[in-house]
Amino acid sequence: MLIKKPKEIVAYLTHSKKLHVLKYTKEYGYNSIAYKTFGVILSTLYKWKKPYDEHG
């Protein structure tokens, strides 16, 4: 039986994944390995990148 995660936990995990992906791509570049490793499509990555670059 799977336990349903509260919205706060889901939001935290999503935010953590975004930061991890953005830090990885900043260090290693925006290459296909990054997209495949994290399962994030390029358009989503760039959507995340803009606020990250503006606010850190």
PDB file of N, CA and C in Angstrom:
ATOM      1  N   MET A   1       0.839  -1.190   0.000  1.00  0.00           N
ATOM      2  CA  MET A   1       0.000   0.000   0.000  1.00  0.00           C
ATOM      3  C   MET A   1       0.883   1.253   0.000  1.00  0.00           C
ATOM      4  N   LEU A   2       0.615   2.152  -0.914  1.00  0.00           N
ATOM      5  CA  LEU A   2       1.357   3.398  -0.992  1.00  0.00           C
ATOM      6  C   LEU A   2       0.690   4.454  -0.118  1.00  0.00           C
ATOM      7  N   ILE A   3       1.519   5.223   0.551  1.00  0.00           N
ATOM      8  CA  ILE A   3       1.011   6.306   1.388  1.00  0.00           C
ATOM      9  C   ILE A   3       1.036   7.581   0.557  1.00  0.00           C
ATOM     10  N   LYS A   4      -0.053   8.301   0.577  1.00  0.00           N
ATOM     11  CA  LYS A   4      -0.147   9.554  -0.163  1.00  0.00           C
ATOM     12  C   LYS A   4       0.682  10.624   0.548  1.00  0.00           C
ATOM     13  N   LYS A   5       1.507  11.338  -0.228  1.00  0.00           N
ATOM     14  CA  LYS A   5       2.354  12.380   0.340  1.00  0.00           C
ATOM     15  C   LYS A   5       1.575  13.677   0.449  1.00  0.00           C
ATOM     16  N   PRO A   6       1.728  14.381   1.569  1.00  0.00           N
ATOM     17  CA  PRO A   6       1.086  15.699   1.690  1.00  0.00           C
ATOM     18  C   PRO A   6       1.641  16.664   0.636  1.00  0.00           C
ATOM     19  N   LYS A   7       0.846  17.659   0.289  1.00  0.00           N
ATOM     20  CA  LYS A   7       1.233  18.631  -0.737  1.00  0.00           C
ATOM     21  C   LYS A   7       2.556  19.318  -0.412  1.00  0.00           C
ATOM     22  N   GLU A   8       2.797  19.597   0.856  1.00  0.00           N
ATOM     23  CA  GLU A   8       4.027  20.284   1.254  1.00  0.00           C
ATOM     24  C   GLU A   8       5.251  19.441   0.936  1.00  0.00           C
ATOM     25  N   ILE A   9       5.146  18.147   1.172  1.00  0.00           N
ATOM     26  CA  ILE A   9       6.271  17.248   0.894  1.00  0.00           C
ATOM     27  C   ILE A   9       6.504  17.150  -0.612  1.00  0.00           C
ATOM     28  N   VAL A  10       5.442  17.031  -1.362  1.00  0.00           N
ATOM     29  CA  VAL A  10       5.565  16.976  -2.824  1.00  0.00           C
ATOM     30  C   VAL A  10       6.200  18.263  -3.345  1.00  0.00           C
ATOM     31  N   ALA A  11       5.765  19.397  -2.837  1.00  0.00           N
ATOM     32  CA  ALA A  11       6.322  20.688  -3.265  1.00  0.00           C
ATOM     33  C   ALA A  11       7.803  20.776  -2.903  1.00  0.00           C
ATOM     34  N   TYR A  12       8.169  20.322  -1.711  1.00  0.00           N
ATOM     35  CA  TYR A  12       9.568  20.338  -1.280  1.00  0.00           C
ATOM     36  C   TYR A  12      10.418  19.447  -2.182  1.00  0.00           C
ATOM     37  N   LEU A  13       9.937  18.241  -2.462  1.00  0.00           N
ATOM     38  CA  LEU A  13      10.690  17.323  -3.309  1.00  0.00           C
ATOM     39  C   LEU A  13      10.843  17.871  -4.720  1.00  0.00           C
ATOM     40  N   THR A  14       9.801  18.493  -5.236  1.00  0.00           N
ATOM     41  CA  THR A  14       9.860  19.090  -6.568  1.00  0.00           C
ATOM     42  C   THR A  14      10.886  20.221  -6.592  1.00  0.00           C
ATOM     43  N   HIS A  15      10.852  21.066  -5.562  1.00  0.00           N
ATOM     44  CA  HIS A  15      11.803  22.170  -5.462  1.00  0.00           C
ATOM     45  C   HIS A  15      13.230  21.648  -5.340  1.00  0.00           C
ATOM     46  N   SER A  16      13.424  20.620  -4.542  1.00  0.00           N
ATOM     47  CA  SER A  16      14.753  20.027  -4.364  1.00  0.00           C
ATOM     48  C   SER A  16      15.284  19.461  -5.678  1.00  0.00           C
ATOM     49  N   LYS A  17      14.405  18.798  -6.426  1.00  0.00           N
ATOM     50  CA  LYS A  17      14.819  18.242  -7.718  1.00  0.00           C
ATOM     51  C   LYS A  17      15.216  19.363  -8.671  1.00  0.00           C
ATOM     52  N   LYS A  18      14.426  20.440  -8.703  1.00  0.00           N
ATOM     53  CA  LYS A  18      14.743  21.567  -9.571  1.00  0.00           C
ATOM     54  C   LYS A  18      16.130  22.124  -9.251  1.00  0.00           C
ATOM     55  N   LEU A  19      16.391  22.352  -7.968  1.00  0.00           N
ATOM     56  CA  LEU A  19      17.688  22.900  -7.572  1.00  0.00           C
ATOM     57  C   LEU A  19      18.828  21.968  -7.949  1.00  0.00           C
ATOM     58  N   HIS A  20      18.636  20.686  -7.731  1.00  0.00           N
ATOM     59  CA  HIS A  20      19.666  19.705  -8.054  1.00  0.00           C
ATOM     60  C   HIS A  20      19.958  19.716  -9.553  1.00  0.00           C
ATOM     61  N   VAL A  21      18.925  19.708 -10.356  1.00  0.00           N
ATOM     62  CA  VAL A  21      19.084  19.718 -11.815  1.00  0.00           C
ATOM     63  C   VAL A  21      19.765  21.008 -12.261  1.00  0.00           C
ATOM     64  N   LEU A  22      19.332  22.140 -11.736  1.00  0.00           N
ATOM     65  CA  LEU A  22      19.905  23.424 -12.140  1.00  0.00           C
ATOM     66  C   LEU A  22      21.373  23.552 -11.731  1.00  0.00           C
ATOM     67  N   LYS A  23      21.714  23.077 -10.550  1.00  0.00           N
ATOM     68  CA  LYS A  23      23.119  23.109 -10.115  1.00  0.00           C
ATOM     69  C   LYS A  23      23.970  22.196 -10.988  1.00  0.00           C
ATOM     70  N   TYR A  24      23.434  21.034 -11.326  1.00  0.00           N
ATOM     71  CA  TYR A  24      24.155  20.096 -12.192  1.00  0.00           C
ATOM     72  C   TYR A  24      24.402  20.709 -13.565  1.00  0.00           C
ATOM     73  N   THR A  25      23.365  21.272 -14.155  1.00  0.00           N
ATOM     74  CA  THR A  25      23.516  21.830 -15.495  1.00  0.00           C
ATOM     75  C   THR A  25      24.406  23.073 -15.494  1.00  0.00           C
ATOM     76  N   LYS A  26      24.399  23.804 -14.403  1.00  0.00           N
ATOM     77  CA  LYS A  26      25.278  24.975 -14.315  1.00  0.00           C
ATOM     78  C   LYS A  26      26.741  24.530 -14.304  1.00  0.00           C
ATOM     79  N   GLU A  27      27.010  23.429 -13.615  1.00  0.00           N
ATOM     80  CA  GLU A  27      28.380  22.932 -13.514  1.00  0.00           C
ATOM     81  C   GLU A  27      28.829  22.189 -14.775  1.00  0.00           C
ATOM     82  N   TYR A  28      27.946  21.371 -15.339  1.00  0.00           N
ATOM     83  CA  TYR A  28      28.341  20.496 -16.443  1.00  0.00           C
ATOM     84  C   TYR A  28      27.780  20.912 -17.800  1.00  0.00           C
ATOM     85  N   GLY A  29      26.899  21.882 -17.832  1.00  0.00           N
ATOM     86  CA  GLY A  29      26.348  22.352 -19.098  1.00  0.00           C
ATOM     87  C   GLY A  29      24.998  21.723 -19.399  1.00  0.00           C
ATOM     88  N   TYR A  30      24.324  22.334 -20.332  1.00  0.00           N
ATOM     89  CA  TYR A  30      22.988  21.875 -20.725  1.00  0.00           C
ATOM     90  C   TYR A  30      23.137  20.852 -21.840  1.00  0.00           C
ATOM     91  N   ASN A  31      23.463  19.637 -21.461  1.00  0.00           N
ATOM     92  CA  ASN A  31      23.653  18.596 -22.464  1.00  0.00           C
ATOM     93  C   ASN A  31      22.595  17.503 -22.321  1.00  0.00           C
ATOM     94  N   SER A  32      22.557  16.620 -23.280  1.00  0.00           N
ATOM     95  CA  SER A  32      21.530  15.576 -23.297  1.00  0.00           C
ATOM     96  C   SER A  32      21.650  14.622 -22.117  1.00  0.00           C
ATOM     97  N   ILE A  33      22.847  14.470 -21.578  1.00  0.00           N
ATOM     98  CA  ILE A  33      23.023  13.592 -20.415  1.00  0.00           C
ATOM     99  C   ILE A  33      22.227  14.134 -19.226  1.00  0.00           C
ATOM    100  N   ALA A  34      22.254  15.437 -19.045  1.00  0.00           N
ATOM    101  CA  ALA A  34      21.502  16.053 -17.944  1.00  0.00           C
ATOM    102  C   ALA A  34      20.008  15.799 -18.107  1.00  0.00           C
ATOM    103  N   TYR A  35      19.502  15.966 -19.309  1.00  0.00           N
ATOM    104  CA  TYR A  35      18.058  15.773 -19.533  1.00  0.00           C
ATOM    105  C   TYR A  35      17.669  14.326 -19.286  1.00  0.00           C
ATOM    106  N   LYS A  36      18.474  13.411 -19.806  1.00  0.00           N
ATOM    107  CA  LYS A  36      18.149  11.994 -19.667  1.00  0.00           C
ATOM    108  C   LYS A  36      18.325  11.512 -18.230  1.00  0.00           C
ATOM    109  N   THR A  37      19.363  11.982 -17.562  1.00  0.00           N
ATOM    110  CA  THR A  37      19.632  11.559 -16.186  1.00  0.00           C
ATOM    111  C   THR A  37      18.493  11.940 -15.253  1.00  0.00           C
ATOM    112  N   PHE A  38      18.001  13.152 -15.394  1.00  0.00           N
ATOM    113  CA  PHE A  38      16.973  13.644 -14.482  1.00  0.00           C
ATOM    114  C   PHE A  38      15.561  13.527 -15.029  1.00  0.00           C
ATOM    115  N   GLY A  39      15.425  13.122 -16.271  1.00  0.00           N
ATOM    116  CA  GLY A  39      14.096  12.958 -16.853  1.00  0.00           C
ATOM    117  C   GLY A  39      13.344  14.263 -17.023  1.00  0.00           C
ATOM    118  N   VAL A  40      14.082  15.308 -17.370  1.00  0.00           N
ATOM    119  CA  VAL A  40      13.480  16.634 -17.540  1.00  0.00           C
ATOM    120  C   VAL A  40      13.632  17.039 -18.998  1.00  0.00           C
ATOM    121  N   ILE A  41      12.549  17.496 -19.604  1.00  0.00           N
ATOM    122  CA  ILE A  41      12.646  17.936 -20.995  1.00  0.00           C
ATOM    123  C   ILE A  41      13.247  19.336 -21.046  1.00  0.00           C
ATOM    124  N   LEU A  42      13.840  19.652 -22.166  1.00  0.00           N
ATOM    125  CA  LEU A  42      14.583  20.898 -22.320  1.00  0.00           C
ATOM    126  C   LEU A  42      13.731  22.138 -22.065  1.00  0.00           C
ATOM    127  N   SER A  43      12.514  22.154 -22.568  1.00  0.00           N
ATOM    128  CA  SER A  43      11.661  23.333 -22.370  1.00  0.00           C
ATOM    129  C   SER A  43      11.365  23.566 -20.887  1.00  0.00           C
ATOM    130  N   THR A  44      11.188  22.487 -20.132  1.00  0.00           N
ATOM    131  CA  THR A  44      10.965  22.613 -18.683  1.00  0.00           C
ATOM    132  C   THR A  44      12.213  23.147 -18.000  1.00  0.00           C
ATOM    133  N   LEU A  45      13.349  22.652 -18.414  1.00  0.00           N
ATOM    134  CA  LEU A  45      14.608  23.099 -17.825  1.00  0.00           C
ATOM    135  C   LEU A  45      14.803  24.598 -18.013  1.00  0.00           C
ATOM    136  N   TYR A  46      14.519  25.096 -19.208  1.00  0.00           N
ATOM    137  CA  TYR A  46      14.668  26.523 -19.445  1.00  0.00           C
ATOM    138  C   TYR A  46      13.623  27.343 -18.694  1.00  0.00           C
ATOM    139  N   LYS A  47      12.453  26.763 -18.464  1.00  0.00           N
ATOM    140  CA  LYS A  47      11.426  27.436 -17.671  1.00  0.00           C
ATOM    141  C   LYS A  47      11.902  27.581 -16.225  1.00  0.00           C
ATOM    142  N   TRP A  48      12.602  26.573 -15.713  1.00  0.00           N
ATOM    143  CA  TRP A  48      13.153  26.623 -14.357  1.00  0.00           C
ATOM    144  C   TRP A  48      14.358  27.545 -14.294  1.00  0.00           C
ATOM    145  N   LYS A  49      15.138  27.592 -15.374  1.00  0.00           N
ATOM    146  CA  LYS A  49      16.403  28.316 -15.398  1.00  0.00           C
ATOM    147  C   LYS A  49      16.221  29.821 -15.247  1.00  0.00           C
ATOM    148  N   LYS A  50      15.218  30.387 -15.870  1.00  0.00           N
ATOM    149  CA  LYS A  50      15.044  31.840 -15.849  1.00  0.00           C
ATOM    150  C   LYS A  50      14.920  32.394 -14.424  1.00  0.00           C
ATOM    151  N   PRO A  51      13.996  31.891 -13.583  1.00  0.00           N
ATOM    152  CA  PRO A  51      13.930  32.414 -12.215  1.00  0.00           C
ATOM    153  C   PRO A  51      15.189  32.096 -11.389  1.00  0.00           C
ATOM    154  N   TYR A  52      15.786  30.952 -11.654  1.00  0.00           N
ATOM    155  CA  TYR A  52      17.006  30.571 -10.937  1.00  0.00           C
ATOM    156  C   TYR A  52      18.131  31.549 -11.237  1.00  0.00           C
ATOM    157  N   ASP A  53      18.280  31.932 -12.491  1.00  0.00           N
ATOM    158  CA  ASP A  53      19.319  32.893 -12.859  1.00  0.00           C
ATOM    159  C   ASP A  53      19.040  34.277 -12.283  1.00  0.00           C
ATOM    160  N   GLU A  54      17.765  34.642 -12.189  1.00  0.00           N
ATOM    161  CA  GLU A  54      17.414  35.970 -11.671  1.00  0.00           C
ATOM    162  C   GLU A  54      17.537  36.059 -10.152  1.00  0.00           C
ATOM    163  N   HIS A  55      17.183  34.974  -9.452  1.00  0.00           N
ATOM    164  CA  HIS A  55      17.099  35.033  -7.985  1.00  0.00           C
ATOM    165  C   HIS A  55      18.053  34.087  -7.265  1.00  0.00           C
ATOM    166  N   GLY A  56      18.666  33.195  -7.988  1.00  0.00           N
ATOM    167  CA  GLY A  56      19.626  32.267  -7.387  1.00  0.00           C
ATOM    168  C   GLY A  56      19.066  31.126  -6.669  1.00  0.00           C
TER     169      GLY A  56
END
